[in-house]
Every structure is written in C-alpha cells, then in structure tokens.
C-alpha cells in the first residue's frame, strides 16, 4: 500500500513557482500542465 504524502504550504508554493518558471522558460503553458500532471500522479499514487 502506498504511503500518503502530505505537502506543506511551503512545498505547494514552491511547486507553483517551479511550474511558473517552466512555463516561462519553455514559452508553452502545456509544459507546466504536463509537469503538474506528473507531480499529481506521483503524489496521488
């Protein structure tokens, strides 16, 4: 059984910043969306 993961407010803020930086760097919003989906898949499993 997978362990639950609790993400602190600080970690959530850092993830948001990372996603924004990825979008800015690549110039494509889809890059941030895909990365968010990957994070969600890892943390939700």
Protein backbone atom coordinates (compact mmCIF):
# COMPACT_ATOMS: atom_id res chain seq x y z
CA UNK A 1 0.00 0.00 0.00
CA UNK A 2 1.32 3.42 -0.92
CA UNK A 3 2.13 5.88 1.85
CA UNK A 4 0.19 9.12 1.97
CA UNK A 5 2.12 12.25 1.23
CA UNK A 6 1.34 15.50 2.99
CA UNK A 7 2.54 18.56 1.12
CA UNK A 8 3.17 21.60 3.27
CA UNK A 9 2.00 25.05 2.25
CA UNK A 10 5.64 25.98 1.60
CA UNK A 11 6.10 22.97 -0.68
CA UNK A 12 2.89 23.80 -2.56
CA UNK A 13 4.11 27.37 -3.06
CA UNK A 14 7.48 26.11 -4.28
CA UNK A 15 5.77 23.76 -6.75
CA UNK A 16 3.68 26.66 -8.07
CA UNK A 17 6.86 28.70 -8.57
CA UNK A 18 8.56 25.81 -10.35
CA UNK A 19 5.58 25.37 -12.68
CA UNK A 20 5.53 29.09 -13.47
CA UNK A 21 9.26 29.02 -14.20
CA UNK A 22 8.86 26.02 -16.51
CA UNK A 23 6.12 27.82 -18.44
CA UNK A 24 8.21 30.99 -18.68
CA UNK A 25 11.35 29.09 -19.73
CA UNK A 26 9.70 26.92 -22.37
CA UNK A 27 7.18 29.50 -23.55
CA UNK A 28 4.47 26.84 -23.57
CA UNK A 29 1.74 26.54 -20.95
CA UNK A 30 1.32 22.86 -21.84
CA UNK A 31 4.79 22.18 -20.38
CA UNK A 32 3.62 23.37 -16.96
CA UNK A 33 0.39 21.43 -17.27
CA UNK A 34 2.23 18.23 -18.11
CA UNK A 35 4.65 18.71 -15.22
CA UNK A 36 1.73 19.38 -12.87
CA UNK A 37 0.08 16.16 -14.07
CA UNK A 38 3.31 14.24 -13.41
CA UNK A 39 3.56 15.71 -9.89
CA UNK A 40 -0.09 14.85 -9.23
CA UNK A 41 0.36 11.31 -10.48
CA UNK A 42 3.42 10.76 -8.24
CA UNK A 43 1.91 12.34 -5.13
CA UNK A 44 -1.57 10.82 -5.54
CA UNK A 45 -0.36 7.25 -6.07
